Amino acid sequence: MDLDDPVCLCFRVSKRKLLAYLRTQHPKVASQLSQCGGAGTGCGWCVPYLKKLFEQQEVELSAEEYTRQRETYRETGERPAGMDSASGGRKPPDSLAADEGSGGLRPPLADD
């Protein structure tokens, strides 16, 4: 994944922008990355990647593979092996709309 590829595809927040935010703002917990252009507050797909960036681990995926995996997640609600959700198994938005009593609201990002 190149620096200018979006990590948060909902809000088009690039890896470069997230790394700059980490470097300049020094967030205390991974969920504070949501203050960087709303990253992680849309469909929730990028939350595990945001956690990895926060933990200073590189995410080794091409932009195409990242996008393909997100499409699969949006269709099935399942993440690839090894990419467990930091959000407690939150479902993609289309699935949430069908949940009774949810009001379409998703829980906030979870911090470990």
N, C-alpha and C. Protein backbone atom coordinates (compact mmCIF):
# COMPACT_ATOMS: atom_id res chain seq x y z
N MET A 1 0.85 -1.17 0.00
CA MET A 1 0.00 0.00 0.00
C MET A 1 0.90 1.24 0.00
N ASP A 2 0.67 2.11 -0.95
CA ASP A 2 1.44 3.35 -1.04
C ASP A 2 0.93 4.36 -0.03
N LEU A 3 1.75 5.36 0.26
CA LEU A 3 1.38 6.37 1.24
C LEU A 3 0.12 7.15 0.85
N ASP A 4 -0.11 7.32 -0.44
CA ASP A 4 -1.27 8.10 -0.87
C ASP A 4 -2.52 7.26 -1.11
N ASP A 5 -2.43 5.95 -0.91
CA ASP A 5 -3.62 5.10 -1.02
C ASP A 5 -4.50 5.31 0.21
N PRO A 6 -5.82 5.33 0.00
CA PRO A 6 -6.70 5.51 1.16
C PRO A 6 -6.75 4.27 2.04
N VAL A 7 -6.65 4.48 3.34
CA VAL A 7 -6.85 3.40 4.32
C VAL A 7 -8.33 3.36 4.65
N CYS A 8 -8.91 4.52 4.94
CA CYS A 8 -10.35 4.62 5.17
C CYS A 8 -10.98 4.97 3.82
N LEU A 9 -11.63 3.97 3.23
CA LEU A 9 -12.22 4.18 1.91
C LEU A 9 -13.52 4.97 1.99
N CYS A 10 -14.18 4.95 3.13
CA CYS A 10 -15.42 5.72 3.28
C CYS A 10 -15.14 7.23 3.20
N PHE A 11 -14.08 7.65 3.88
CA PHE A 11 -13.78 9.08 3.96
C PHE A 11 -12.48 9.46 3.24
N ARG A 12 -11.92 8.50 2.48
CA ARG A 12 -10.73 8.74 1.66
C ARG A 12 -9.57 9.31 2.49
N VAL A 13 -9.30 8.71 3.65
CA VAL A 13 -8.19 9.13 4.49
C VAL A 13 -6.98 8.27 4.12
N SER A 14 -5.93 8.92 3.65
CA SER A 14 -4.76 8.20 3.15
C SER A 14 -3.85 7.74 4.29
N LYS A 15 -3.03 6.77 3.95
CA LYS A 15 -2.02 6.28 4.89
C LYS A 15 -1.08 7.43 5.28
N ARG A 16 -0.72 8.26 4.31
CA ARG A 16 0.16 9.41 4.57
C ARG A 16 -0.46 10.34 5.62
N LYS A 17 -1.75 10.63 5.46
CA LYS A 17 -2.42 11.53 6.39
C LYS A 17 -2.47 10.92 7.80
N LEU A 18 -2.75 9.63 7.87
CA LEU A 18 -2.80 8.95 9.17
C LEU A 18 -1.43 8.93 9.84
N LEU A 19 -0.38 8.65 9.07
CA LEU A 19 0.96 8.63 9.64
C LEU A 19 1.37 10.03 10.11
N ALA A 20 0.99 11.05 9.35
CA ALA A 20 1.29 12.43 9.76
C ALA A 20 0.53 12.77 11.04
N TYR A 21 -0.72 12.31 11.13
CA TYR A 21 -1.50 12.55 12.34
C TYR A 21 -0.84 11.87 13.54
N LEU A 22 -0.41 10.63 13.36
CA LEU A 22 0.28 9.92 14.44
C LEU A 22 1.54 10.66 14.87
N ARG A 23 2.28 11.15 13.91
CA ARG A 23 3.55 11.82 14.18
C ARG A 23 3.35 13.17 14.87
N THR A 24 2.32 13.90 14.49
CA THR A 24 2.14 15.26 15.01
C THR A 24 1.22 15.36 16.22
N GLN A 25 0.21 14.49 16.29
CA GLN A 25 -0.79 14.60 17.36
C GLN A 25 -0.56 13.65 18.52
N HIS A 26 0.23 12.61 18.30
CA HIS A 26 0.55 11.63 19.34
C HIS A 26 -0.69 11.12 20.08
N PRO A 27 -1.63 10.50 19.36
CA PRO A 27 -2.83 10.00 20.04
C PRO A 27 -2.47 8.96 21.10
N LYS A 28 -3.24 8.94 22.17
CA LYS A 28 -2.97 8.02 23.28
C LYS A 28 -3.57 6.64 23.04
N VAL A 29 -4.65 6.58 22.29
CA VAL A 29 -5.31 5.30 21.98
C VAL A 29 -5.65 5.27 20.49
N ALA A 30 -5.78 4.07 19.95
CA ALA A 30 -6.03 3.90 18.52
C ALA A 30 -7.31 4.59 18.06
N SER A 31 -8.32 4.61 18.91
CA SER A 31 -9.60 5.20 18.50
C SER A 31 -9.49 6.69 18.22
N GLN A 32 -8.45 7.34 18.72
CA GLN A 32 -8.28 8.77 18.44
C GLN A 32 -7.90 9.03 16.99
N LEU A 33 -7.55 7.99 16.25
CA LEU A 33 -7.30 8.16 14.82
C LEU A 33 -8.58 8.57 14.09
N SER A 34 -9.73 8.36 14.71
CA SER A 34 -10.99 8.78 14.09
C SER A 34 -11.05 10.30 13.97
N GLN A 35 -10.24 11.01 14.74
CA GLN A 35 -10.19 12.47 14.64
C GLN A 35 -9.44 12.92 13.40
N CYS A 36 -8.84 11.99 12.70
CA CYS A 36 -8.13 12.28 11.46
C CYS A 36 -9.07 12.01 10.29
N GLY A 37 -9.87 12.96 9.95
CA GLY A 37 -10.77 12.85 8.81
C GLY A 37 -11.90 11.86 8.97
N GLY A 38 -12.17 11.43 10.19
CA GLY A 38 -13.26 10.48 10.42
C GLY A 38 -12.87 9.03 10.17
N ALA A 39 -11.58 8.76 10.03
CA ALA A 39 -11.12 7.40 9.74
C ALA A 39 -11.69 6.40 10.74
N GLY A 40 -12.24 5.32 10.22
CA GLY A 40 -12.76 4.25 11.06
C GLY A 40 -14.19 4.43 11.53
N THR A 41 -14.82 5.53 11.16
CA THR A 41 -16.19 5.77 11.65
C THR A 41 -17.26 5.46 10.62
N GLY A 42 -16.86 5.01 9.44
CA GLY A 42 -17.84 4.65 8.41
C GLY A 42 -18.26 3.21 8.55
N CYS A 43 -17.81 2.38 7.64
CA CYS A 43 -18.23 0.97 7.63
C CYS A 43 -17.49 0.13 8.66
N GLY A 44 -16.36 0.60 9.16
CA GLY A 44 -15.61 -0.15 10.17
C GLY A 44 -14.54 -1.06 9.61
N TRP A 45 -14.47 -1.20 8.30
CA TRP A 45 -13.50 -2.10 7.68
C TRP A 45 -12.07 -1.75 8.08
N CYS A 46 -11.72 -0.51 8.14
CA CYS A 46 -10.32 -0.12 8.33
C CYS A 46 -9.87 -0.14 9.79
N VAL A 47 -10.76 -0.39 10.72
CA VAL A 47 -10.41 -0.33 12.15
C VAL A 47 -9.21 -1.21 12.50
N PRO A 48 -9.14 -2.47 12.06
CA PRO A 48 -7.94 -3.26 12.39
C PRO A 48 -6.67 -2.68 11.79
N TYR A 49 -6.77 -2.10 10.62
CA TYR A 49 -5.61 -1.48 9.98
C TYR A 49 -5.20 -0.23 10.74
N LEU A 50 -6.17 0.53 11.22
CA LEU A 50 -5.86 1.71 12.02
C LEU A 50 -5.14 1.31 13.30
N LYS A 51 -5.59 0.22 13.90
CA LYS A 51 -4.91 -0.27 15.11
C LYS A 51 -3.48 -0.66 14.81
N LYS A 52 -3.27 -1.32 13.68
CA LYS A 52 -1.90 -1.72 13.31
C LYS A 52 -1.03 -0.50 13.06
N LEU A 53 -1.57 0.50 12.39
CA LEU A 53 -0.80 1.73 12.18
C LEU A 53 -0.48 2.38 13.52
N PHE A 54 -1.45 2.40 14.41
CA PHE A 54 -1.24 2.99 15.73
C PHE A 54 -0.13 2.24 16.48
N GLU A 55 -0.11 0.93 16.33
CA GLU A 55 0.90 0.11 16.99
C GLU A 55 2.23 0.13 16.23
N GLN A 56 2.31 0.96 15.18
CA GLN A 56 3.51 1.14 14.36
C GLN A 56 3.89 -0.11 13.59
N GLN A 57 2.91 -0.89 13.20
CA GLN A 57 3.16 -2.04 12.35
C GLN A 57 2.76 -1.67 10.94
N GLU A 58 3.52 -2.11 10.00
CA GLU A 58 3.19 -1.87 8.60
C GLU A 58 2.12 -2.86 8.14
N VAL A 59 1.23 -2.39 7.32
CA VAL A 59 0.22 -3.23 6.69
C VAL A 59 0.72 -3.51 5.28
N GLU A 60 1.06 -4.75 5.01
CA GLU A 60 1.65 -5.12 3.72
C GLU A 60 0.58 -5.65 2.77
N LEU A 61 -0.12 -4.77 2.13
CA LEU A 61 -1.12 -5.13 1.12
C LEU A 61 -1.04 -4.13 -0.01
N SER A 62 -1.34 -4.59 -1.21
CA SER A 62 -1.46 -3.65 -2.32
C SER A 62 -2.80 -2.93 -2.16
N ALA A 63 -2.92 -1.79 -2.78
CA ALA A 63 -4.18 -1.04 -2.72
C ALA A 63 -5.31 -1.86 -3.32
N GLU A 64 -5.01 -2.61 -4.37
CA GLU A 64 -6.04 -3.42 -5.03
C GLU A 64 -6.52 -4.54 -4.10
N GLU A 65 -5.59 -5.21 -3.42
CA GLU A 65 -5.96 -6.30 -2.51
C GLU A 65 -6.75 -5.75 -1.32
N TYR A 66 -6.34 -4.60 -0.81
CA TYR A 66 -7.04 -3.97 0.31
C TYR A 66 -8.48 -3.66 -0.09
N THR A 67 -8.66 -3.09 -1.28
CA THR A 67 -10.00 -2.75 -1.78
C THR A 67 -10.83 -4.01 -2.00
N ARG A 68 -10.22 -5.06 -2.55
CA ARG A 68 -10.93 -6.32 -2.78
C ARG A 68 -11.40 -6.93 -1.46
N GLN A 69 -10.52 -6.92 -0.46
CA GLN A 69 -10.89 -7.47 0.85
C GLN A 69 -12.02 -6.67 1.48
N ARG A 70 -12.01 -5.37 1.30
CA ARG A 70 -13.08 -4.54 1.86
C ARG A 70 -14.41 -4.86 1.18
N GLU A 71 -14.39 -5.04 -0.14
CA GLU A 71 -15.62 -5.39 -0.84
C GLU A 71 -16.19 -6.70 -0.33
N THR A 72 -15.33 -7.68 -0.10
CA THR A 72 -15.77 -8.95 0.46
C THR A 72 -16.38 -8.74 1.84
N TYR A 73 -15.73 -7.91 2.65
CA TYR A 73 -16.24 -7.60 3.99
C TYR A 73 -17.62 -6.94 3.90
N ARG A 74 -17.78 -6.00 2.99
CA ARG A 74 -19.06 -5.31 2.85
C ARG A 74 -20.17 -6.27 2.42
N GLU A 75 -19.81 -7.27 1.61
CA GLU A 75 -20.80 -8.23 1.12
C GLU A 75 -21.13 -9.30 2.15
N THR A 76 -20.11 -9.77 2.88
CA THR A 76 -20.30 -10.92 3.76
C THR A 76 -20.21 -10.60 5.24
N GLY A 77 -19.57 -9.49 5.59
CA GLY A 77 -19.36 -9.15 7.00
C GLY A 77 -18.20 -9.90 7.62
N GLU A 78 -17.44 -10.63 6.80
CA GLU A 78 -16.32 -11.41 7.31
C GLU A 78 -15.00 -10.79 6.88
N ARG A 79 -14.06 -10.78 7.82
CA ARG A 79 -12.72 -10.26 7.56
C ARG A 79 -11.79 -11.42 7.21
N PRO A 80 -10.68 -11.12 6.54
CA PRO A 80 -9.71 -12.18 6.27
C PRO A 80 -9.10 -12.69 7.57
N ALA A 81 -8.61 -13.91 7.55
CA ALA A 81 -7.97 -14.50 8.73
C ALA A 81 -6.85 -13.59 9.21
N GLY A 82 -6.75 -13.41 10.52
CA GLY A 82 -5.70 -12.58 11.09
C GLY A 82 -6.06 -11.12 11.19
N MET A 83 -7.21 -10.72 10.67
CA MET A 83 -7.64 -9.32 10.74
C MET A 83 -8.93 -9.23 11.52
N ASP A 84 -8.86 -9.60 12.78
CA ASP A 84 -10.03 -9.52 13.63
C ASP A 84 -10.39 -8.07 13.87
N SER A 85 -11.65 -7.83 14.02
CA SER A 85 -12.13 -6.47 14.23
C SER A 85 -11.77 -5.97 15.61
N ALA A 86 -11.33 -4.74 15.66
CA ALA A 86 -11.09 -4.09 16.94
C ALA A 86 -12.39 -3.55 17.50
N SER A 87 -13.45 -3.68 16.74
CA SER A 87 -14.72 -3.09 17.15
C SER A 87 -15.69 -4.12 17.70
N GLY A 88 -15.19 -5.27 18.09
CA GLY A 88 -16.06 -6.27 18.69
C GLY A 88 -16.96 -6.97 17.70
N GLY A 89 -16.49 -7.16 16.47
CA GLY A 89 -17.28 -7.90 15.50
C GLY A 89 -18.40 -7.10 14.89
N ARG A 90 -18.24 -5.81 14.82
CA ARG A 90 -19.26 -4.93 14.26
C ARG A 90 -19.59 -5.35 12.83
N LYS A 91 -20.86 -5.30 12.48
CA LYS A 91 -21.31 -5.67 11.15
C LYS A 91 -21.21 -4.48 10.21
N PRO A 92 -21.11 -4.75 8.89
CA PRO A 92 -21.14 -3.64 7.94
C PRO A 92 -22.48 -2.91 8.02
N PRO A 93 -22.54 -1.65 7.58
CA PRO A 93 -23.76 -0.85 7.71
C PRO A 93 -25.01 -1.47 7.13
N ASP A 94 -24.94 -2.14 5.97
CA ASP A 94 -26.13 -2.73 5.38
C ASP A 94 -26.75 -3.75 6.31
N SER A 95 -25.93 -4.51 7.02
CA SER A 95 -26.44 -5.50 7.96
C SER A 95 -27.02 -4.81 9.19
N LEU A 96 -26.43 -3.70 9.59
CA LEU A 96 -26.92 -2.99 10.77
C LEU A 96 -28.32 -2.46 10.55
N ALA A 97 -28.60 -2.03 9.34
CA ALA A 97 -29.91 -1.45 9.07
C ALA A 97 -31.02 -2.46 9.33
N ALA A 98 -30.71 -3.75 9.19
CA ALA A 98 -31.71 -4.78 9.39
C ALA A 98 -31.88 -5.16 10.87
N ASP A 99 -30.93 -4.76 11.72
CA ASP A 99 -31.02 -5.09 13.14
C ASP A 99 -32.10 -4.26 13.80
N GLU A 100 -33.04 -4.93 14.45
CA GLU A 100 -34.09 -4.21 15.13
C GLU A 100 -33.53 -3.50 16.35
N GLY A 101 -34.00 -2.30 16.57
CA GLY A 101 -33.62 -1.56 17.76
C GLY A 101 -32.26 -0.90 17.67
N SER A 102 -31.56 -1.09 16.58
CA SER A 102 -30.22 -0.49 16.50
C SER A 102 -30.30 0.98 16.12
N GLY A 103 -31.37 1.37 15.45
CA GLY A 103 -31.49 2.74 15.01
C GLY A 103 -30.42 3.12 14.00
N GLY A 104 -29.73 2.11 13.45
CA GLY A 104 -28.68 2.38 12.48
C GLY A 104 -27.40 2.90 13.11
N LEU A 105 -27.34 2.92 14.43
CA LEU A 105 -26.15 3.43 15.09
C LEU A 105 -25.17 2.30 15.35
N ARG A 106 -23.90 2.62 15.21
CA ARG A 106 -22.86 1.64 15.48
C ARG A 106 -22.16 2.02 16.77
N PRO A 107 -21.61 1.03 17.47
CA PRO A 107 -20.88 1.34 18.70
C PRO A 107 -19.60 2.09 18.38
N PRO A 108 -19.05 2.83 19.33
CA PRO A 108 -17.79 3.53 19.09
C PRO A 108 -16.66 2.53 18.93
N LEU A 109 -15.53 3.01 18.40
CA LEU A 109 -14.36 2.16 18.26
C LEU A 109 -13.92 1.69 19.63
N ALA A 110 -13.55 0.43 19.72
CA ALA A 110 -13.09 -0.12 20.99
C ALA A 110 -11.58 -0.01 21.08
N ASP A 111 -11.08 0.24 22.26
CA ASP A 111 -9.64 0.28 22.50
C ASP A 111 -9.29 -0.90 23.38
N ASP A 112 -8.19 -1.53 23.06
CA ASP A 112 -7.72 -2.64 23.90
C ASP A 112 -6.75 -2.13 24.92
